[in-house]
Amino acid sequence: MRTQFNGIRIEPGMSVEVVTLNYGNPLLTNGAQEVISAFKRIYDIDIKRAGICSQAYLDVEKLG
C-alpha cells in the first residue's frame, strides 16, 4: 500500500540506518537531521517536507 504525504510517496518497509555518537533517539536529536539526510540520500525524498519526521510515523530501533 503506497501512501502520499504532501505529494511525497512513502512505501511500507522503507528504512534507513543512522550511526550516531549519542545514545538518544535520532528523531529527537539535532532536529532529526541525520534521519532526514539518510532518507534523502537513500530514497531521494524529503521526510521533513512530507511531514512524517516524528515518532508518530517512524519507528526507531536500536541495533547492537
PDB file of N, CA and C in Angstrom:
ATOM      1  N   MET A   1       0.840  -1.173   0.000  1.00  0.00           N
ATOM      2  CA  MET A   1       0.000   0.000   0.000  1.00  0.00           C
ATOM      3  C   MET A   1       0.890   1.244   0.000  1.00  0.00           C
ATOM      4  N   ARG A   2       0.794   2.020  -0.990  1.00  0.00           N
ATOM      5  CA  ARG A   2       1.542   3.269  -1.080  1.00  0.00           C
ATOM      6  C   ARG A   2       0.745   4.387  -0.416  1.00  0.00           C
ATOM      7  N   THR A   3       1.469   5.287   0.202  1.00  0.00           N
ATOM      8  CA  THR A   3       0.840   6.418   0.860  1.00  0.00           C
ATOM      9  C   THR A   3       1.552   7.679   0.433  1.00  0.00           C
ATOM     10  N   GLN A   4       0.794   8.746   0.271  1.00  0.00           N
ATOM     11  CA  GLN A   4       1.401  10.028  -0.073  1.00  0.00           C
ATOM     12  C   GLN A   4       1.153  11.029   1.043  1.00  0.00           C
ATOM     13  N   PHE A   5       2.201  11.758   1.377  1.00  0.00           N
ATOM     14  CA  PHE A   5       2.135  12.830   2.353  1.00  0.00           C
ATOM     15  C   PHE A   5       2.661  14.081   1.663  1.00  0.00           C
ATOM     16  N   ASN A   6       1.832  15.095   1.550  1.00  0.00           N
ATOM     17  CA  ASN A   6       2.216  16.339   0.873  1.00  0.00           C
ATOM     18  C   ASN A   6       2.814  16.071  -0.508  1.00  0.00           C
ATOM     19  N   GLY A   7       2.246  15.102  -1.218  1.00  0.00           N
ATOM     20  CA  GLY A   7       2.697  14.791  -2.572  1.00  0.00           C
ATOM     21  C   GLY A   7       3.942  13.925  -2.639  1.00  0.00           C
ATOM     22  N   ILE A   8       4.456  13.466  -1.496  1.00  0.00           N
ATOM     23  CA  ILE A   8       5.654  12.630  -1.474  1.00  0.00           C
ATOM     24  C   ILE A   8       5.228  11.197  -1.177  1.00  0.00           C
ATOM     25  N   ARG A   9       5.602  10.286  -2.059  1.00  0.00           N
ATOM     26  CA  ARG A   9       5.200   8.887  -1.933  1.00  0.00           C
ATOM     27  C   ARG A   9       6.090   8.167  -0.927  1.00  0.00           C
ATOM     28  N   ILE A  10       5.457   7.528   0.042  1.00  0.00           N
ATOM     29  CA  ILE A  10       6.138   6.733   1.055  1.00  0.00           C
ATOM     30  C   ILE A  10       5.657   5.300   0.908  1.00  0.00           C
ATOM     31  N   GLU A  11       6.586   4.356   0.890  1.00  0.00           N
ATOM     32  CA  GLU A  11       6.247   2.945   0.735  1.00  0.00           C
ATOM     33  C   GLU A  11       6.482   2.212   2.050  1.00  0.00           C
ATOM     34  N   PRO A  12       5.626   1.267   2.394  1.00  0.00           N
ATOM     35  CA  PRO A  12       5.868   0.459   3.589  1.00  0.00           C
ATOM     36  C   PRO A  12       7.212  -0.263   3.472  1.00  0.00           C
ATOM     37  N   GLY A  13       7.914  -0.367   4.572  1.00  0.00           N
ATOM     38  CA  GLY A  13       9.188  -1.071   4.573  1.00  0.00           C
ATOM     39  C   GLY A  13      10.394  -0.197   4.311  1.00  0.00           C
ATOM     40  N   MET A  14      10.175   1.051   3.946  1.00  0.00           N
ATOM     41  CA  MET A  14      11.318   1.954   3.772  1.00  0.00           C
ATOM     42  C   MET A  14      12.030   2.078   5.112  1.00  0.00           C
ATOM     43  N   SER A  15      13.341   1.965   5.080  1.00  0.00           N
ATOM     44  CA  SER A  15      14.100   2.094   6.318  1.00  0.00           C
ATOM     45  C   SER A  15      15.478   2.657   6.030  1.00  0.00           C
ATOM     46  N   VAL A  16      16.062   3.245   7.042  1.00  0.00           N
ATOM     47  CA  VAL A  16      17.422   3.752   6.957  1.00  0.00           C
ATOM     48  C   VAL A  16      18.143   3.376   8.246  1.00  0.00           C
ATOM     49  N   GLU A  17      19.463   3.319   8.168  1.00  0.00           N
ATOM     50  CA  GLU A  17      20.279   3.122   9.356  1.00  0.00           C
ATOM     51  C   GLU A  17      21.084   4.385   9.580  1.00  0.00           C
ATOM     52  N   VAL A  18      21.099   4.837  10.818  1.00  0.00           N
ATOM     53  CA  VAL A  18      21.808   6.057  11.180  1.00  0.00           C
ATOM     54  C   VAL A  18      22.787   5.730  12.294  1.00  0.00           C
ATOM     55  N   VAL A  19      24.038   6.089  12.080  1.00  0.00           N
ATOM     56  CA  VAL A  19      25.048   5.930  13.119  1.00  0.00           C
ATOM     57  C   VAL A  19      25.154   7.250  13.859  1.00  0.00           C
ATOM     58  N   THR A  20      25.017   7.179  15.172  1.00  0.00           N
ATOM     59  CA  THR A  20      25.050   8.396  15.976  1.00  0.00           C
ATOM     60  C   THR A  20      26.000   8.214  17.151  1.00  0.00           C
ATOM     61  N   LEU A  21      26.602   9.282  17.593  1.00  0.00           N
ATOM     62  CA  LEU A  21      27.539   9.230  18.702  1.00  0.00           C
ATOM     63  C   LEU A  21      26.852   9.325  20.061  1.00  0.00           C
ATOM     64  N   ASN A  22      25.606   9.761  20.071  1.00  0.00           N
ATOM     65  CA  ASN A  22      24.911   9.851  21.355  1.00  0.00           C
ATOM     66  C   ASN A  22      23.951   8.680  21.513  1.00  0.00           C
ATOM     67  N   TYR A  23      23.437   8.529  22.695  1.00  0.00           N
ATOM     68  CA  TYR A  23      22.560   7.395  22.990  1.00  0.00           C
ATOM     69  C   TYR A  23      21.087   7.744  22.876  1.00  0.00           C
ATOM     70  N   GLY A  24      20.795   8.954  22.470  1.00  0.00           N
ATOM     71  CA  GLY A  24      19.407   9.387  22.369  1.00  0.00           C
ATOM     72  C   GLY A  24      18.745   8.947  21.073  1.00  0.00           C
ATOM     73  N   ASN A  25      17.479   9.196  21.005  1.00  0.00           N
ATOM     74  CA  ASN A  25      16.684   8.903  19.828  1.00  0.00           C
ATOM     75  C   ASN A  25      17.074   9.883  18.717  1.00  0.00           C
ATOM     76  N   PRO A  26      17.493   9.403  17.546  1.00  0.00           N
ATOM     77  CA  PRO A  26      17.915  10.307  16.469  1.00  0.00           C
ATOM     78  C   PRO A  26      16.787  11.184  15.928  1.00  0.00           C
ATOM     79  N   LEU A  27      15.534  10.829  16.202  1.00  0.00           N
ATOM     80  CA  LEU A  27      14.422  11.685  15.789  1.00  0.00           C
ATOM     81  C   LEU A  27      14.275  12.891  16.708  1.00  0.00           C
ATOM     82  N   LEU A  28      14.868  12.781  17.906  1.00  0.00           N
ATOM     83  CA  LEU A  28      14.739  13.859  18.888  1.00  0.00           C
ATOM     84  C   LEU A  28      16.032  14.634  19.070  1.00  0.00           C
ATOM     85  N   THR A  29      17.058  14.274  18.315  1.00  0.00           N
ATOM     86  CA  THR A  29      18.370  14.901  18.440  1.00  0.00           C
ATOM     87  C   THR A  29      18.686  15.721  17.197  1.00  0.00           C
ATOM     88  N   ASN A  30      19.155  16.929  17.375  1.00  0.00           N
ATOM     89  CA  ASN A  30      19.605  17.781  16.276  1.00  0.00           C
ATOM     90  C   ASN A  30      18.531  17.963  15.196  1.00  0.00           C
ATOM     91  N   GLY A  31      17.294  18.069  15.614  1.00  0.00           N
ATOM     92  CA  GLY A  31      16.215  18.278  14.650  1.00  0.00           C
ATOM     93  C   GLY A  31      16.025  17.123  13.687  1.00  0.00           C
ATOM     94  N   ALA A  32      16.456  15.929  14.081  1.00  0.00           N
ATOM     95  CA  ALA A  32      16.348  14.710  13.267  1.00  0.00           C
ATOM     96  C   ALA A  32      17.127  14.806  11.956  1.00  0.00           C
ATOM     97  N   GLN A  33      18.109  15.683  11.901  1.00  0.00           N
ATOM     98  CA  GLN A  33      18.832  15.932  10.655  1.00  0.00           C
ATOM     99  C   GLN A  33      19.499  14.679  10.093  1.00  0.00           C
ATOM    100  N   GLU A  34      20.026  13.807  10.958  1.00  0.00           N
ATOM    101  CA  GLU A  34      20.668  12.582  10.473  1.00  0.00           C
ATOM    102  C   GLU A  34      19.663  11.679   9.759  1.00  0.00           C
ATOM    103  N   VAL A  35      18.467  11.578  10.315  1.00  0.00           N
ATOM    104  CA  VAL A  35      17.418  10.740   9.715  1.00  0.00           C
ATOM    105  C   VAL A  35      16.923  11.368   8.413  1.00  0.00           C
ATOM    106  N   ILE A  36      16.701  12.655   8.425  1.00  0.00           N
ATOM    107  CA  ILE A  36      16.258  13.369   7.221  1.00  0.00           C
ATOM    108  C   ILE A  36      17.280  13.185   6.095  1.00  0.00           C
ATOM    109  N   SER A  37      18.550  13.349   6.419  1.00  0.00           N
ATOM    110  CA  SER A  37      19.618  13.201   5.416  1.00  0.00           C
ATOM    111  C   SER A  37      19.697  11.781   4.883  1.00  0.00           C
ATOM    112  N   ALA A  38      19.509  10.804   5.755  1.00  0.00           N
ATOM    113  CA  ALA A  38      19.570   9.403   5.323  1.00  0.00           C
ATOM    114  C   ALA A  38      18.446   9.075   4.344  1.00  0.00           C
ATOM    115  N   PHE A  39      17.233   9.521   4.623  1.00  0.00           N
ATOM    116  CA  PHE A  39      16.124   9.281   3.682  1.00  0.00           C
ATOM    117  C   PHE A  39      16.366  10.001   2.361  1.00  0.00           C
ATOM    118  N   LYS A  40      16.918  11.194   2.412  1.00  0.00           N
ATOM    119  CA  LYS A  40      17.212  11.938   1.182  1.00  0.00           C
ATOM    120  C   LYS A  40      18.272  11.208   0.352  1.00  0.00           C
ATOM    121  N   ARG A  41      19.312  10.734   1.031  1.00  0.00           N
ATOM    122  CA  ARG A  41      20.410  10.061   0.346  1.00  0.00           C
ATOM    123  C   ARG A  41      19.979   8.718  -0.264  1.00  0.00           C
ATOM    124  N   ILE A  42      19.197   7.943   0.469  1.00  0.00           N
ATOM    125  CA  ILE A  42      18.834   6.593   0.024  1.00  0.00           C
ATOM    126  C   ILE A  42      17.637   6.589  -0.922  1.00  0.00           C
ATOM    127  N   TYR A  43      16.597   7.358  -0.602  1.00  0.00           N
ATOM    128  CA  TYR A  43      15.356   7.323  -1.388  1.00  0.00           C
ATOM    129  C   TYR A  43      15.081   8.599  -2.173  1.00  0.00           C
ATOM    130  N   ASP A  44      15.895   9.621  -1.971  1.00  0.00           N
ATOM    131  CA  ASP A  44      15.701  10.923  -2.608  1.00  0.00           C
ATOM    132  C   ASP A  44      14.330  11.510  -2.287  1.00  0.00           C
ATOM    133  N   ILE A  45      13.932  11.391  -1.001  1.00  0.00           N
ATOM    134  CA  ILE A  45      12.696  12.009  -0.546  1.00  0.00           C
ATOM    135  C   ILE A  45      12.992  12.874   0.677  1.00  0.00           C
ATOM    136  N   ASP A  46      12.184  13.890   0.859  1.00  0.00           N
ATOM    137  CA  ASP A  46      12.340  14.810   1.981  1.00  0.00           C
ATOM    138  C   ASP A  46      11.244  14.515   2.997  1.00  0.00           C
ATOM    139  N   ILE A  47      11.588  13.733   4.029  1.00  0.00           N
ATOM    140  CA  ILE A  47      10.569  13.358   5.004  1.00  0.00           C
ATOM    141  C   ILE A  47      10.146  14.538   5.868  1.00  0.00           C
ATOM    142  N   LYS A  48      10.962  15.558   5.951  1.00  0.00           N
ATOM    143  CA  LYS A  48      10.564  16.756   6.693  1.00  0.00           C
ATOM    144  C   LYS A  48       9.459  17.484   5.941  1.00  0.00           C
ATOM    145  N   ARG A  49       9.636  17.644   4.640  1.00  0.00           N
ATOM    146  CA  ARG A  49       8.599  18.290   3.810  1.00  0.00           C
ATOM    147  C   ARG A  49       7.321  17.446   3.782  1.00  0.00           C
ATOM    148  N   ALA A  50       7.496  16.124   3.833  1.00  0.00           N
ATOM    149  CA  ALA A  50       6.337  15.234   3.841  1.00  0.00           C
ATOM    150  C   ALA A  50       5.580  15.319   5.166  1.00  0.00           C
ATOM    151  N   GLY A  51       6.261  15.810   6.195  1.00  0.00           N
ATOM    152  CA  GLY A  51       5.614  15.953   7.489  1.00  0.00           C
ATOM    153  C   GLY A  51       5.565  14.675   8.300  1.00  0.00           C
ATOM    154  N   ILE A  52       6.470  13.742   8.002  1.00  0.00           N
ATOM    155  CA  ILE A  52       6.439  12.460   8.709  1.00  0.00           C
ATOM    156  C   ILE A  52       7.685  12.231   9.559  1.00  0.00           C
ATOM    157  N   CYS A  53       8.404  13.251   9.860  1.00  0.00           N
ATOM    158  CA  CYS A  53       9.636  13.121  10.620  1.00  0.00           C
ATOM    159  C   CYS A  53       9.332  13.156  12.118  1.00  0.00           C
ATOM    160  N   SER A  54       8.620  12.144  12.586  1.00  0.00           N
ATOM    161  CA  SER A  54       8.275  12.071  14.004  1.00  0.00           C
ATOM    162  C   SER A  54       8.024  10.622  14.382  1.00  0.00           C
ATOM    163  N   GLN A  55       7.965  10.380  15.675  1.00  0.00           N
ATOM    164  CA  GLN A  55       7.728   9.027  16.161  1.00  0.00           C
ATOM    165  C   GLN A  55       6.305   8.561  15.874  1.00  0.00           C
ATOM    166  N   ALA A  56       5.436   9.449  15.494  1.00  0.00           N
ATOM    167  CA  ALA A  56       4.080   9.055  15.126  1.00  0.00           C
ATOM    168  C   ALA A  56       4.079   8.265  13.819  1.00  0.00           C
ATOM    169  N   TYR A  57       5.074   8.509  12.958  1.00  0.00           N
ATOM    170  CA  TYR A  57       5.151   7.849  11.657  1.00  0.00           C
ATOM    171  C   TYR A  57       6.337   6.900  11.524  1.00  0.00           C
ATOM    172  N   LEU A  58       7.387   7.138  12.286  1.00  0.00           N
ATOM    173  CA  LEU A  58       8.618   6.355  12.141  1.00  0.00           C
ATOM    174  C   LEU A  58       8.928   5.590  13.417  1.00  0.00           C
ATOM    175  N   ASP A  59       9.404   4.377  13.257  1.00  0.00           N
ATOM    176  CA  ASP A  59       9.848   3.572  14.396  1.00  0.00           C
ATOM    177  C   ASP A  59      11.365   3.653  14.493  1.00  0.00           C
ATOM    178  N   VAL A  60      11.858   3.729  15.709  1.00  0.00           N
ATOM    179  CA  VAL A  60      13.291   3.749  15.950  1.00  0.00           C
ATOM    180  C   VAL A  60      13.661   2.453  16.642  1.00  0.00           C
ATOM    181  N   GLU A  61      14.662   1.783  16.099  1.00  0.00           N
ATOM    182  CA  GLU A  61      15.127   0.528  16.671  1.00  0.00           C
ATOM    183  C   GLU A  61      16.625   0.629  16.893  1.00  0.00           C
ATOM    184  N   LYS A  62      17.061   0.387  18.097  1.00  0.00           N
ATOM    185  CA  LYS A  62      18.488   0.410  18.408  1.00  0.00           C
ATOM    186  C   LYS A  62      19.099  -0.934  18.054  1.00  0.00           C
ATOM    187  N   LEU A  63      20.138  -0.905  17.245  1.00  0.00           N
ATOM    188  CA  LEU A  63      20.823  -2.130  16.836  1.00  0.00           C
ATOM    189  C   LEU A  63      22.115  -2.272  17.631  1.00  0.00           C
ATOM    190  N   GLY A  64      22.486  -3.486  17.901  1.00  0.00           N
ATOM    191  CA  GLY A  64      23.773  -3.733  18.568  1.00  0.00           C
ATOM    192  C   GLY A  64      23.765  -3.643  19.982  1.00  0.00           C
TER     193      GLY A  64
END
